[in-house]
Amino acid sequence: MNTTNAKKLRNMLEEPGMLTVPGAGTPLDLRLIEQSGFNVGYMTGYGAACIRYGVPDIGLIGYGELEDTVRVMRQVTNIPLIVDCDTGYGDIANVKRTVEGMESLGVAGIQIEDQVWPKKCGHMAGKFVEPRDTALRKIKAAVQARLNPDLVIIARTDARGPLGMDEALVRAKMFIDAGADMIFVDGPKSIIELEQICQASIGPQMANMSETGLTP
């Protein structure tokens, strides 16, 4: 287990200001990110799906494919890596396996979301989210499964689209209270909504800045 990179990421997140983390769908992407001077990279599920299958992120990538990609990424770069683990690839037992597997590969952080499987990219229409209690159990399982306390667990909610911002913020607070280190409210559609998320003072925040996404 590489505790050094997890601790490095945690230290970066504790510094004031924003941390820019480029997304990578392949090991080559991550090497280029490292060579460009960035100190951390993000393994993106959308990028991996597009490159492997030529389709958007619609739930085709499974745990085995994720593990294969992450293993090579870790072999060819040294910077801390955050991994998009989708919904954890199942229920509580699968979430635990995902956390344990990612820790064994030395990743610095993981992201788990509350969509119903098969999930969709957060900026696509027609998303559905799991009930609060189901989503909360999975975040608690992820927190309990990590062996390295420095592993950063990012809890993502896609509730903004189907249920509205109020529900998304309720879920975000629930996830932080359950032990998540950072919140990712996906799909805000305006600067006002981004400000609303930050002003909720729930905890450390993540935002996805995509050229063709919903978020400005």
N, C-alpha and C. Protein backbone atom coordinates (compact mmCIF):
# COMPACT_ATOMS: atom_id res chain seq x y z
N MET A 1 0.85 -1.20 0.00
CA MET A 1 0.00 0.00 0.00
C MET A 1 0.88 1.25 0.00
N ASN A 2 0.57 2.20 -0.86
CA ASN A 2 1.35 3.43 -0.93
C ASN A 2 0.66 4.51 -0.11
N THR A 3 1.07 4.63 1.15
CA THR A 3 0.45 5.64 2.00
C THR A 3 0.98 7.03 1.67
N THR A 4 2.15 7.10 1.04
CA THR A 4 2.78 8.38 0.77
C THR A 4 1.93 9.25 -0.14
N ASN A 5 1.43 8.69 -1.24
CA ASN A 5 0.64 9.48 -2.17
C ASN A 5 -0.69 9.91 -1.57
N ALA A 6 -1.31 9.06 -0.78
CA ALA A 6 -2.56 9.44 -0.12
C ALA A 6 -2.31 10.61 0.83
N LYS A 7 -1.22 10.55 1.56
CA LYS A 7 -0.88 11.64 2.48
C LYS A 7 -0.55 12.91 1.71
N LYS A 8 0.15 12.77 0.59
CA LYS A 8 0.46 13.94 -0.24
C LYS A 8 -0.83 14.63 -0.70
N LEU A 9 -1.78 13.83 -1.17
CA LEU A 9 -3.05 14.40 -1.63
C LEU A 9 -3.77 15.08 -0.48
N ARG A 10 -3.82 14.43 0.66
CA ARG A 10 -4.50 15.02 1.81
C ARG A 10 -3.85 16.35 2.20
N ASN A 11 -2.53 16.41 2.14
CA ASN A 11 -1.83 17.65 2.46
C ASN A 11 -2.17 18.75 1.45
N MET A 12 -2.27 18.39 0.16
CA MET A 12 -2.64 19.37 -0.86
C MET A 12 -4.03 19.93 -0.60
N LEU A 13 -4.95 19.06 -0.21
CA LEU A 13 -6.33 19.48 0.01
C LEU A 13 -6.47 20.36 1.24
N GLU A 14 -5.53 20.26 2.15
CA GLU A 14 -5.58 21.08 3.35
C GLU A 14 -5.01 22.48 3.14
N GLU A 15 -4.34 22.68 2.01
CA GLU A 15 -3.81 24.01 1.71
C GLU A 15 -4.94 24.94 1.26
N PRO A 16 -4.82 26.25 1.51
CA PRO A 16 -5.87 27.18 1.08
C PRO A 16 -5.94 27.29 -0.44
N GLY A 17 -7.12 27.66 -0.94
CA GLY A 17 -7.29 27.83 -2.37
C GLY A 17 -7.77 26.57 -3.06
N MET A 18 -7.82 26.64 -4.40
CA MET A 18 -8.31 25.53 -5.20
C MET A 18 -7.15 24.65 -5.68
N LEU A 19 -7.45 23.39 -5.88
CA LEU A 19 -6.50 22.44 -6.43
C LEU A 19 -7.03 21.99 -7.79
N THR A 20 -6.26 22.23 -8.84
CA THR A 20 -6.65 21.82 -10.19
C THR A 20 -6.13 20.41 -10.46
N VAL A 21 -7.04 19.52 -10.85
CA VAL A 21 -6.68 18.12 -11.07
C VAL A 21 -7.16 17.71 -12.46
N PRO A 22 -6.27 17.57 -13.44
CA PRO A 22 -6.69 17.16 -14.78
C PRO A 22 -7.15 15.70 -14.81
N GLY A 23 -8.09 15.41 -15.70
CA GLY A 23 -8.61 14.06 -15.84
C GLY A 23 -7.82 13.25 -16.84
N ALA A 24 -7.72 11.94 -16.58
CA ALA A 24 -6.98 11.03 -17.46
C ALA A 24 -7.81 9.78 -17.71
N GLY A 25 -7.92 9.39 -18.98
CA GLY A 25 -8.62 8.16 -19.33
C GLY A 25 -7.70 7.00 -19.61
N THR A 26 -6.41 7.30 -19.84
CA THR A 26 -5.43 6.27 -20.17
C THR A 26 -4.14 6.52 -19.39
N PRO A 27 -3.26 5.51 -19.30
CA PRO A 27 -1.95 5.73 -18.69
C PRO A 27 -1.16 6.82 -19.40
N LEU A 28 -1.28 6.91 -20.73
CA LEU A 28 -0.57 7.96 -21.46
C LEU A 28 -1.05 9.34 -21.03
N ASP A 29 -2.36 9.50 -20.88
CA ASP A 29 -2.90 10.78 -20.40
C ASP A 29 -2.24 11.16 -19.08
N LEU A 30 -2.16 10.19 -18.18
CA LEU A 30 -1.62 10.49 -16.85
C LEU A 30 -0.14 10.83 -16.92
N ARG A 31 0.60 10.17 -17.80
CA ARG A 31 2.02 10.51 -17.97
C ARG A 31 2.17 11.94 -18.47
N LEU A 32 1.32 12.33 -19.41
CA LEU A 32 1.38 13.70 -19.94
C LEU A 32 1.01 14.72 -18.86
N ILE A 33 0.04 14.37 -18.02
CA ILE A 33 -0.33 15.25 -16.91
C ILE A 33 0.86 15.44 -15.97
N GLU A 34 1.53 14.35 -15.65
CA GLU A 34 2.70 14.42 -14.77
C GLU A 34 3.82 15.24 -15.42
N GLN A 35 4.08 14.99 -16.71
CA GLN A 35 5.15 15.69 -17.41
C GLN A 35 4.85 17.18 -17.58
N SER A 36 3.57 17.54 -17.53
CA SER A 36 3.18 18.95 -17.66
C SER A 36 3.30 19.71 -16.34
N GLY A 37 3.67 19.01 -15.28
CA GLY A 37 3.93 19.68 -14.01
C GLY A 37 2.82 19.62 -12.99
N PHE A 38 1.74 18.89 -13.29
CA PHE A 38 0.66 18.76 -12.30
C PHE A 38 1.07 17.76 -11.23
N ASN A 39 0.60 18.00 -10.01
CA ASN A 39 1.01 17.18 -8.87
C ASN A 39 0.04 16.05 -8.55
N VAL A 40 -1.09 16.00 -9.26
CA VAL A 40 -2.09 14.96 -9.00
C VAL A 40 -2.93 14.78 -10.25
N GLY A 41 -3.44 13.56 -10.47
CA GLY A 41 -4.30 13.28 -11.62
C GLY A 41 -5.57 12.58 -11.19
N TYR A 42 -6.56 12.59 -12.10
CA TYR A 42 -7.88 12.02 -11.80
C TYR A 42 -8.24 11.01 -12.89
N MET A 43 -8.36 9.75 -12.54
CA MET A 43 -8.77 8.74 -13.52
C MET A 43 -10.28 8.86 -13.74
N THR A 44 -10.65 9.29 -14.94
CA THR A 44 -12.05 9.60 -15.22
C THR A 44 -12.78 8.43 -15.87
N GLY A 45 -13.94 8.10 -15.32
CA GLY A 45 -14.73 7.02 -15.87
C GLY A 45 -15.22 7.31 -17.28
N TYR A 46 -15.57 8.57 -17.54
CA TYR A 46 -16.02 8.94 -18.89
C TYR A 46 -14.90 8.71 -19.89
N GLY A 47 -13.70 9.18 -19.54
CA GLY A 47 -12.57 9.01 -20.45
C GLY A 47 -12.26 7.55 -20.71
N ALA A 48 -12.30 6.74 -19.66
CA ALA A 48 -12.01 5.31 -19.82
C ALA A 48 -13.04 4.63 -20.71
N ALA A 49 -14.32 4.98 -20.55
CA ALA A 49 -15.38 4.38 -21.36
C ALA A 49 -15.24 4.78 -22.83
N CYS A 50 -14.96 6.05 -23.07
CA CYS A 50 -14.82 6.53 -24.44
C CYS A 50 -13.65 5.85 -25.15
N ILE A 51 -12.53 5.73 -24.44
CA ILE A 51 -11.34 5.18 -25.07
C ILE A 51 -11.44 3.68 -25.26
N ARG A 52 -12.02 2.98 -24.29
CA ARG A 52 -12.10 1.51 -24.38
C ARG A 52 -13.19 1.05 -25.34
N TYR A 53 -14.35 1.72 -25.31
CA TYR A 53 -15.49 1.24 -26.08
C TYR A 53 -16.04 2.23 -27.11
N GLY A 54 -15.53 3.45 -27.10
CA GLY A 54 -16.00 4.44 -28.06
C GLY A 54 -17.40 4.93 -27.79
N VAL A 55 -17.82 4.88 -26.52
CA VAL A 55 -19.16 5.32 -26.13
C VAL A 55 -19.05 6.21 -24.90
N PRO A 56 -20.10 6.98 -24.58
CA PRO A 56 -20.08 7.79 -23.36
C PRO A 56 -20.08 6.91 -22.11
N ASP A 57 -20.04 7.55 -20.97
CA ASP A 57 -20.04 6.86 -19.68
C ASP A 57 -21.47 6.45 -19.35
N ILE A 58 -21.85 5.23 -19.73
CA ILE A 58 -23.23 4.76 -19.53
C ILE A 58 -23.26 3.44 -18.76
N GLY A 59 -22.24 3.19 -17.95
CA GLY A 59 -22.25 2.02 -17.08
C GLY A 59 -21.70 0.75 -17.69
N LEU A 60 -20.88 0.87 -18.74
CA LEU A 60 -20.31 -0.32 -19.36
C LEU A 60 -19.02 -0.78 -18.69
N ILE A 61 -18.33 0.13 -18.03
CA ILE A 61 -17.07 -0.21 -17.37
C ILE A 61 -17.35 -0.90 -16.04
N GLY A 62 -16.74 -2.07 -15.84
CA GLY A 62 -16.88 -2.80 -14.58
C GLY A 62 -15.63 -2.70 -13.74
N TYR A 63 -15.67 -3.35 -12.57
CA TYR A 63 -14.53 -3.24 -11.66
C TYR A 63 -13.25 -3.80 -12.27
N GLY A 64 -13.34 -4.94 -12.96
CA GLY A 64 -12.14 -5.54 -13.54
C GLY A 64 -11.44 -4.63 -14.53
N GLU A 65 -12.22 -3.96 -15.37
CA GLU A 65 -11.64 -3.04 -16.35
C GLU A 65 -11.03 -1.83 -15.67
N LEU A 66 -11.72 -1.34 -14.64
CA LEU A 66 -11.17 -0.24 -13.86
C LEU A 66 -9.83 -0.63 -13.25
N GLU A 67 -9.78 -1.78 -12.63
CA GLU A 67 -8.55 -2.23 -11.96
C GLU A 67 -7.40 -2.36 -12.96
N ASP A 68 -7.66 -2.90 -14.14
CA ASP A 68 -6.62 -3.04 -15.15
C ASP A 68 -6.03 -1.69 -15.53
N THR A 69 -6.90 -0.71 -15.76
CA THR A 69 -6.44 0.61 -16.17
C THR A 69 -5.65 1.29 -15.05
N VAL A 70 -6.18 1.21 -13.84
CA VAL A 70 -5.51 1.87 -12.71
C VAL A 70 -4.15 1.23 -12.43
N ARG A 71 -4.05 -0.09 -12.57
CA ARG A 71 -2.78 -0.77 -12.31
C ARG A 71 -1.68 -0.22 -13.22
N VAL A 72 -2.00 -0.08 -14.50
CA VAL A 72 -0.98 0.43 -15.43
C VAL A 72 -0.69 1.90 -15.15
N MET A 73 -1.71 2.68 -14.84
CA MET A 73 -1.48 4.09 -14.49
C MET A 73 -0.51 4.22 -13.33
N ARG A 74 -0.69 3.37 -12.33
CA ARG A 74 0.18 3.43 -11.16
C ARG A 74 1.60 2.98 -11.49
N GLN A 75 1.74 2.11 -12.49
CA GLN A 75 3.06 1.62 -12.87
C GLN A 75 3.88 2.66 -13.62
N VAL A 76 3.22 3.56 -14.33
CA VAL A 76 3.96 4.46 -15.22
C VAL A 76 4.08 5.88 -14.69
N THR A 77 3.45 6.19 -13.55
CA THR A 77 3.54 7.54 -12.98
C THR A 77 3.76 7.46 -11.47
N ASN A 78 4.19 8.58 -10.92
CA ASN A 78 4.45 8.65 -9.48
C ASN A 78 3.52 9.61 -8.74
N ILE A 79 2.78 10.44 -9.47
CA ILE A 79 1.94 11.43 -8.79
C ILE A 79 0.72 10.77 -8.16
N PRO A 80 0.15 11.37 -7.11
CA PRO A 80 -1.08 10.84 -6.52
C PRO A 80 -2.20 10.74 -7.55
N LEU A 81 -2.98 9.68 -7.45
CA LEU A 81 -4.06 9.42 -8.40
C LEU A 81 -5.38 9.26 -7.66
N ILE A 82 -6.38 10.02 -8.09
CA ILE A 82 -7.76 9.86 -7.63
C ILE A 82 -8.50 9.04 -8.68
N VAL A 83 -9.32 8.09 -8.25
CA VAL A 83 -9.98 7.19 -9.19
C VAL A 83 -11.50 7.31 -9.09
N ASP A 84 -12.14 7.47 -10.24
CA ASP A 84 -13.60 7.47 -10.34
C ASP A 84 -14.08 6.03 -10.27
N CYS A 85 -14.66 5.65 -9.15
CA CYS A 85 -15.12 4.26 -8.94
C CYS A 85 -16.62 4.11 -9.16
N ASP A 86 -17.21 5.05 -9.89
CA ASP A 86 -18.64 4.97 -10.22
C ASP A 86 -19.47 4.72 -8.95
N THR A 87 -20.32 3.71 -8.97
CA THR A 87 -21.20 3.43 -7.83
C THR A 87 -20.59 2.43 -6.85
N GLY A 88 -19.34 2.05 -7.10
CA GLY A 88 -18.72 1.00 -6.29
C GLY A 88 -18.93 -0.38 -6.88
N TYR A 89 -19.67 -0.44 -8.02
CA TYR A 89 -19.89 -1.67 -8.79
C TYR A 89 -20.73 -2.71 -8.07
N GLY A 90 -21.74 -2.25 -7.35
CA GLY A 90 -22.64 -3.17 -6.70
C GLY A 90 -23.11 -2.64 -5.36
N ASP A 91 -23.37 -3.56 -4.44
CA ASP A 91 -23.85 -3.16 -3.11
C ASP A 91 -22.67 -3.08 -2.14
N ILE A 92 -22.94 -3.20 -0.86
CA ILE A 92 -21.92 -2.95 0.17
C ILE A 92 -20.69 -3.83 -0.01
N ALA A 93 -20.89 -5.13 -0.27
CA ALA A 93 -19.75 -6.04 -0.43
C ALA A 93 -18.88 -5.61 -1.60
N ASN A 94 -19.51 -5.15 -2.69
CA ASN A 94 -18.75 -4.70 -3.85
C ASN A 94 -18.01 -3.41 -3.57
N VAL A 95 -18.64 -2.51 -2.84
CA VAL A 95 -17.98 -1.26 -2.47
C VAL A 95 -16.73 -1.55 -1.64
N LYS A 96 -16.85 -2.46 -0.68
CA LYS A 96 -15.70 -2.82 0.14
C LYS A 96 -14.58 -3.41 -0.72
N ARG A 97 -14.95 -4.28 -1.64
CA ARG A 97 -13.95 -4.87 -2.53
C ARG A 97 -13.27 -3.80 -3.37
N THR A 98 -14.05 -2.84 -3.85
CA THR A 98 -13.50 -1.76 -4.66
C THR A 98 -12.50 -0.94 -3.86
N VAL A 99 -12.86 -0.58 -2.65
CA VAL A 99 -11.95 0.21 -1.81
C VAL A 99 -10.67 -0.58 -1.53
N GLU A 100 -10.82 -1.84 -1.16
CA GLU A 100 -9.65 -2.66 -0.85
C GLU A 100 -8.75 -2.81 -2.08
N GLY A 101 -9.36 -3.01 -3.24
CA GLY A 101 -8.58 -3.16 -4.46
C GLY A 101 -7.84 -1.90 -4.84
N MET A 102 -8.50 -0.77 -4.72
CA MET A 102 -7.85 0.49 -5.06
C MET A 102 -6.74 0.82 -4.07
N GLU A 103 -6.96 0.52 -2.80
CA GLU A 103 -5.89 0.73 -1.81
C GLU A 103 -4.68 -0.13 -2.13
N SER A 104 -4.91 -1.37 -2.54
CA SER A 104 -3.80 -2.27 -2.84
C SER A 104 -2.97 -1.78 -4.02
N LEU A 105 -3.58 -0.97 -4.89
CA LEU A 105 -2.87 -0.40 -6.03
C LEU A 105 -2.21 0.93 -5.69
N GLY A 106 -2.43 1.42 -4.48
CA GLY A 106 -1.76 2.63 -4.05
C GLY A 106 -2.38 3.92 -4.52
N VAL A 107 -3.69 3.93 -4.80
CA VAL A 107 -4.31 5.19 -5.21
C VAL A 107 -4.42 6.12 -4.01
N ALA A 108 -4.53 7.41 -4.30
CA ALA A 108 -4.58 8.41 -3.23
C ALA A 108 -6.00 8.75 -2.81
N GLY A 109 -6.96 8.57 -3.72
CA GLY A 109 -8.34 8.90 -3.41
C GLY A 109 -9.29 8.16 -4.33
N ILE A 110 -10.54 8.00 -3.89
CA ILE A 110 -11.56 7.36 -4.71
C ILE A 110 -12.84 8.19 -4.66
N GLN A 111 -13.62 8.09 -5.73
CA GLN A 111 -14.92 8.76 -5.79
C GLN A 111 -16.01 7.71 -5.93
N ILE A 112 -17.06 7.81 -5.11
CA ILE A 112 -18.20 6.90 -5.20
C ILE A 112 -19.48 7.73 -5.26
N GLU A 113 -20.38 7.36 -6.16
CA GLU A 113 -21.58 8.16 -6.40
C GLU A 113 -22.85 7.40 -6.03
N ASP A 114 -23.97 8.14 -6.05
CA ASP A 114 -25.26 7.57 -5.60
C ASP A 114 -26.23 7.27 -6.74
N GLN A 115 -25.74 7.16 -7.96
CA GLN A 115 -26.63 6.82 -9.07
C GLN A 115 -27.06 5.36 -9.01
N VAL A 116 -28.20 5.09 -9.65
CA VAL A 116 -28.66 3.72 -9.87
C VAL A 116 -27.86 3.14 -11.03
N TRP A 117 -27.44 1.89 -10.89
CA TRP A 117 -26.69 1.22 -11.95
C TRP A 117 -27.64 0.58 -12.96
N PRO A 118 -27.36 0.67 -14.28
CA PRO A 118 -26.20 1.30 -14.90
C PRO A 118 -26.29 2.82 -14.87
N LYS A 119 -25.19 3.42 -14.42
CA LYS A 119 -25.17 4.87 -14.26
C LYS A 119 -24.95 5.56 -15.60
N LYS A 120 -25.03 6.90 -15.58
CA LYS A 120 -24.74 7.71 -16.75
C LYS A 120 -23.78 8.82 -16.35
N CYS A 121 -23.14 9.38 -17.34
CA CYS A 121 -22.33 10.57 -17.08
C CYS A 121 -23.19 11.60 -16.36
N GLY A 122 -22.59 12.29 -15.39
CA GLY A 122 -23.33 13.25 -14.59
C GLY A 122 -23.93 14.40 -15.36
N HIS A 123 -23.47 14.63 -16.59
CA HIS A 123 -23.97 15.75 -17.38
C HIS A 123 -24.96 15.29 -18.45
N MET A 124 -25.43 14.04 -18.34
CA MET A 124 -26.44 13.52 -19.25
C MET A 124 -27.81 13.53 -18.58
N ALA A 125 -28.86 13.59 -19.40
CA ALA A 125 -30.23 13.55 -18.88
C ALA A 125 -30.64 12.11 -18.57
N GLY A 126 -31.72 11.98 -17.81
CA GLY A 126 -32.27 10.65 -17.55
C GLY A 126 -31.57 9.87 -16.46
N LYS A 127 -30.96 10.57 -15.51
CA LYS A 127 -30.28 9.89 -14.40
C LYS A 127 -31.28 9.56 -13.29
N PHE A 128 -30.96 8.52 -12.54
CA PHE A 128 -31.73 8.16 -11.36
C PHE A 128 -30.76 7.91 -10.21
N VAL A 129 -31.18 8.26 -9.00
CA VAL A 129 -30.30 8.05 -7.85
C VAL A 129 -30.92 7.03 -6.89
N GLU A 130 -30.06 6.39 -6.14
CA GLU A 130 -30.52 5.41 -5.15
C GLU A 130 -31.23 6.12 -4.00
N PRO A 131 -32.06 5.42 -3.25
CA PRO A 131 -32.65 6.01 -2.05
C PRO A 131 -31.56 6.46 -1.09
N ARG A 132 -31.89 7.44 -0.26
CA ARG A 132 -30.90 7.98 0.67
C ARG A 132 -30.23 6.90 1.50
N ASP A 133 -31.03 5.99 2.07
CA ASP A 133 -30.46 5.00 2.98
C ASP A 133 -29.50 4.06 2.27
N THR A 134 -29.81 3.70 1.03
CA THR A 134 -28.92 2.84 0.26
C THR A 134 -27.60 3.54 -0.04
N ALA A 135 -27.70 4.79 -0.49
CA ALA A 135 -26.49 5.55 -0.80
C ALA A 135 -25.64 5.76 0.45
N LEU A 136 -26.29 6.03 1.56
CA LEU A 136 -25.57 6.28 2.81
C LEU A 136 -24.84 5.02 3.27
N ARG A 137 -25.47 3.87 3.14
CA ARG A 137 -24.83 2.61 3.54
C ARG A 137 -23.55 2.38 2.74
N LYS A 138 -23.57 2.74 1.47
CA LYS A 138 -22.40 2.51 0.63
C LYS A 138 -21.25 3.43 1.00
N ILE A 139 -21.55 4.67 1.33
CA ILE A 139 -20.50 5.59 1.77
C ILE A 139 -19.92 5.11 3.10
N LYS A 140 -20.77 4.70 4.02
CA LYS A 140 -20.29 4.18 5.30
C LYS A 140 -19.42 2.94 5.08
N ALA A 141 -19.81 2.08 4.15
CA ALA A 141 -19.03 0.88 3.86
C ALA A 141 -17.66 1.23 3.31
N ALA A 142 -17.60 2.25 2.46
CA ALA A 142 -16.31 2.68 1.90
C ALA A 142 -15.40 3.21 2.99
N VAL A 143 -15.95 4.01 3.88
CA VAL A 143 -15.16 4.58 4.98
C VAL A 143 -14.63 3.47 5.88
N GLN A 144 -15.48 2.51 6.19
CA GLN A 144 -15.08 1.42 7.09
C GLN A 144 -14.08 0.48 6.44
N ALA A 145 -14.12 0.37 5.11
CA ALA A 145 -13.25 -0.59 4.41
C ALA A 145 -11.82 -0.09 4.25
N ARG A 146 -11.60 1.21 4.28
CA ARG A 146 -10.24 1.69 4.03
C ARG A 146 -9.32 1.33 5.20
N LEU A 147 -8.14 0.85 4.87
CA LEU A 147 -7.14 0.53 5.88
C LEU A 147 -6.24 1.72 6.15
N ASN A 148 -6.05 2.53 5.13
CA ASN A 148 -5.20 3.72 5.25
C ASN A 148 -6.08 4.93 5.55
N PRO A 149 -5.98 5.50 6.73
CA PRO A 149 -6.84 6.64 7.06
C PRO A 149 -6.60 7.87 6.19
N ASP A 150 -5.48 7.90 5.46
CA ASP A 150 -5.21 9.04 4.59
C ASP A 150 -5.90 8.93 3.23
N LEU A 151 -6.40 7.74 2.88
CA LEU A 151 -7.12 7.59 1.62
C LEU A 151 -8.29 8.57 1.59
N VAL A 152 -8.36 9.41 0.57
CA VAL A 152 -9.40 10.43 0.46
C VAL A 152 -10.64 9.82 -0.20
N ILE A 153 -11.76 9.87 0.48
CA ILE A 153 -13.02 9.35 -0.05
C ILE A 153 -13.90 10.52 -0.46
N ILE A 154 -14.19 10.59 -1.75
CA ILE A 154 -15.03 11.65 -2.31
C ILE A 154 -16.42 11.07 -2.56
N ALA A 155 -17.42 11.64 -1.92
CA ALA A 155 -18.81 11.18 -2.08
C ALA A 155 -19.52 12.09 -3.08
N ARG A 156 -19.97 11.49 -4.16
CA ARG A 156 -20.64 12.27 -5.21
C ARG A 156 -22.14 12.01 -5.17
N THR A 157 -22.91 13.06 -5.32
CA THR A 157 -24.35 12.90 -5.48
C THR A 157 -24.79 13.48 -6.82
N ASP A 158 -25.63 12.73 -7.51
CA ASP A 158 -26.21 13.16 -8.77
C ASP A 158 -27.67 13.58 -8.61
N ALA A 159 -28.06 13.87 -7.38
CA ALA A 159 -29.46 14.18 -7.09
C ALA A 159 -29.91 15.52 -7.68
N ARG A 160 -28.98 16.41 -8.00
CA ARG A 160 -29.36 17.72 -8.54
C ARG A 160 -30.28 17.58 -9.76
N GLY A 161 -29.94 16.67 -10.67
CA GLY A 161 -30.74 16.52 -11.88
C GLY A 161 -32.14 16.01 -11.63
N PRO A 162 -32.30 14.81 -11.06
CA PRO A 162 -33.65 14.25 -10.91
C PRO A 162 -34.46 14.79 -9.74
N LEU A 163 -33.79 15.26 -8.67
CA LEU A 163 -34.52 15.62 -7.45
C LEU A 163 -34.33 17.06 -6.99
N GLY A 164 -33.39 17.78 -7.58
CA GLY A 164 -33.22 19.19 -7.23
C GLY A 164 -32.05 19.43 -6.29
N MET A 165 -31.66 20.71 -6.20
CA MET A 165 -30.49 21.08 -5.43
C MET A 165 -30.68 20.85 -3.93
N ASP A 166 -31.87 21.10 -3.41
CA ASP A 166 -32.09 20.91 -1.97
C ASP A 166 -31.80 19.47 -1.56
N GLU A 167 -32.27 18.52 -2.34
CA GLU A 167 -32.01 17.11 -2.04
C GLU A 167 -30.53 16.80 -2.17
N ALA A 168 -29.88 17.37 -3.16
CA ALA A 168 -28.44 17.14 -3.34
C ALA A 168 -27.66 17.61 -2.12
N LEU A 169 -28.03 18.76 -1.57
CA LEU A 169 -27.32 19.30 -0.41
C LEU A 169 -27.60 18.47 0.85
N VAL A 170 -28.82 17.96 0.98
CA VAL A 170 -29.13 17.08 2.11
C VAL A 170 -28.25 15.83 2.05
N ARG A 171 -28.13 15.25 0.87
CA ARG A 171 -27.30 14.06 0.70
C ARG A 171 -25.83 14.37 0.96
N ALA A 172 -25.39 15.51 0.48
CA ALA A 172 -23.99 15.89 0.69
C ALA A 172 -23.66 15.95 2.17
N LYS A 173 -24.52 16.56 2.95
CA LYS A 173 -24.29 16.64 4.40
C LYS A 173 -24.32 15.25 5.03
N MET A 174 -25.23 14.40 4.59
CA MET A 174 -25.30 13.03 5.11
C MET A 174 -23.99 12.29 4.86
N PHE A 175 -23.44 12.47 3.67
CA PHE A 175 -22.21 11.75 3.31
C PHE A 175 -21.02 12.24 4.12
N ILE A 176 -20.94 13.55 4.33
CA ILE A 176 -19.86 14.09 5.17
C ILE A 176 -20.00 13.57 6.60
N ASP A 177 -21.22 13.58 7.12
CA ASP A 177 -21.46 13.08 8.47
C ASP A 177 -21.11 11.59 8.59
N ALA A 178 -21.19 10.87 7.46
CA ALA A 178 -20.88 9.44 7.46
C ALA A 178 -19.38 9.17 7.36
N GLY A 179 -18.58 10.23 7.17
CA GLY A 179 -17.14 10.05 7.15
C GLY A 179 -16.45 10.35 5.84
N ALA A 180 -17.21 10.74 4.80
CA ALA A 180 -16.57 11.12 3.55
C ALA A 180 -15.70 12.36 3.77
N ASP A 181 -14.61 12.46 3.01
CA ASP A 181 -13.67 13.56 3.18
C ASP A 181 -14.01 14.77 2.31
N MET A 182 -14.72 14.53 1.23
CA MET A 182 -15.02 15.60 0.27
C MET A 182 -16.35 15.31 -0.40
N ILE A 183 -17.03 16.37 -0.81
CA ILE A 183 -18.33 16.26 -1.47
C ILE A 183 -18.23 16.72 -2.92
N PHE A 184 -18.93 15.99 -3.78
CA PHE A 184 -19.00 16.34 -5.20
C PHE A 184 -20.48 16.34 -5.59
N VAL A 185 -21.08 17.53 -5.63
CA VAL A 185 -22.45 17.69 -6.11
C VAL A 185 -22.35 17.89 -7.62
N ASP A 186 -22.73 16.87 -8.37
CA ASP A 186 -22.52 16.92 -9.82
C ASP A 186 -23.70 17.57 -10.53
N GLY A 187 -23.39 18.27 -11.61
CA GLY A 187 -24.41 18.82 -12.48
C GLY A 187 -25.02 20.16 -12.14
N PRO A 188 -24.38 21.02 -11.30
CA PRO A 188 -24.95 22.36 -11.11
C PRO A 188 -24.95 23.11 -12.44
N LYS A 189 -25.99 23.92 -12.68
CA LYS A 189 -26.18 24.51 -14.00
C LYS A 189 -25.88 26.00 -14.07
N SER A 190 -25.43 26.60 -12.98
CA SER A 190 -25.18 28.04 -13.00
C SER A 190 -24.16 28.41 -11.94
N ILE A 191 -23.62 29.61 -12.06
CA ILE A 191 -22.72 30.14 -11.04
C ILE A 191 -23.45 30.24 -9.71
N ILE A 192 -24.72 30.62 -9.77
CA ILE A 192 -25.52 30.75 -8.54
C ILE A 192 -25.59 29.40 -7.81
N GLU A 193 -25.79 28.32 -8.56
CA GLU A 193 -25.85 27.00 -7.92
C GLU A 193 -24.49 26.59 -7.36
N LEU A 194 -23.42 26.92 -8.06
CA LEU A 194 -22.08 26.64 -7.53
C LEU A 194 -21.87 27.37 -6.21
N GLU A 195 -22.29 28.63 -6.18
CA GLU A 195 -22.16 29.41 -4.94
C GLU A 195 -23.02 28.81 -3.83
N GLN A 196 -24.20 28.34 -4.19
CA GLN A 196 -25.10 27.73 -3.21
C GLN A 196 -24.45 26.51 -2.56
N ILE A 197 -23.77 25.71 -3.36
CA ILE A 197 -23.09 24.52 -2.83
C ILE A 197 -21.99 24.94 -1.86
N CYS A 198 -21.19 25.93 -2.25
CA CYS A 198 -20.10 26.37 -1.39
C CYS A 198 -20.62 27.02 -0.11
N GLN A 199 -21.68 27.79 -0.22
CA GLN A 199 -22.21 28.50 0.94
C GLN A 199 -22.89 27.57 1.93
N ALA A 200 -23.19 26.34 1.50
CA ALA A 200 -23.80 25.38 2.41
C ALA A 200 -22.83 24.93 3.49
N SER A 201 -21.53 25.22 3.29
CA SER A 201 -20.49 24.92 4.29
C SER A 201 -20.56 23.48 4.76
N ILE A 202 -20.70 22.57 3.81
CA ILE A 202 -20.82 21.15 4.14
C ILE A 202 -19.45 20.55 4.42
N GLY A 203 -18.45 21.00 3.71
CA GLY A 203 -17.11 20.44 3.82
C GLY A 203 -16.35 20.74 2.55
N PRO A 204 -15.18 20.14 2.37
CA PRO A 204 -14.41 20.35 1.13
C PRO A 204 -15.25 19.97 -0.08
N GLN A 205 -15.13 20.76 -1.14
CA GLN A 205 -15.99 20.60 -2.32
C GLN A 205 -15.17 20.27 -3.56
N MET A 206 -15.78 19.50 -4.45
CA MET A 206 -15.20 19.24 -5.76
C MET A 206 -16.19 19.67 -6.83
N ALA A 207 -15.66 20.18 -7.94
CA ALA A 207 -16.51 20.54 -9.09
C ALA A 207 -15.87 20.00 -10.35
N ASN A 208 -16.70 19.55 -11.28
CA ASN A 208 -16.23 18.99 -12.54
C ASN A 208 -16.33 20.05 -13.63
N MET A 209 -15.19 20.51 -14.13
CA MET A 209 -15.17 21.54 -15.15
C MET A 209 -14.93 20.89 -16.52
N SER A 210 -16.01 20.60 -17.24
CA SER A 210 -15.92 19.97 -18.55
C SER A 210 -16.34 20.97 -19.62
N GLU A 211 -15.63 20.96 -20.73
CA GLU A 211 -15.91 21.92 -21.81
C GLU A 211 -17.34 21.80 -22.33
N THR A 212 -17.89 20.61 -22.35
CA THR A 212 -19.23 20.41 -22.93
C THR A 212 -20.27 20.02 -21.88
N GLY A 213 -19.94 20.21 -20.59
CA GLY A 213 -20.84 19.79 -19.53
C GLY A 213 -21.86 20.84 -19.15
N LEU A 214 -22.67 20.51 -18.16
CA LEU A 214 -23.72 21.41 -17.68
C LEU A 214 -23.16 22.54 -16.83
N THR A 215 -22.05 22.29 -16.15
CA THR A 215 -21.52 23.25 -15.18
C THR A 215 -20.72 24.34 -15.88
N PRO A 216 -21.01 25.61 -15.58
CA PRO A 216 -20.30 26.71 -16.27
C PRO A 216 -18.83 26.80 -15.84
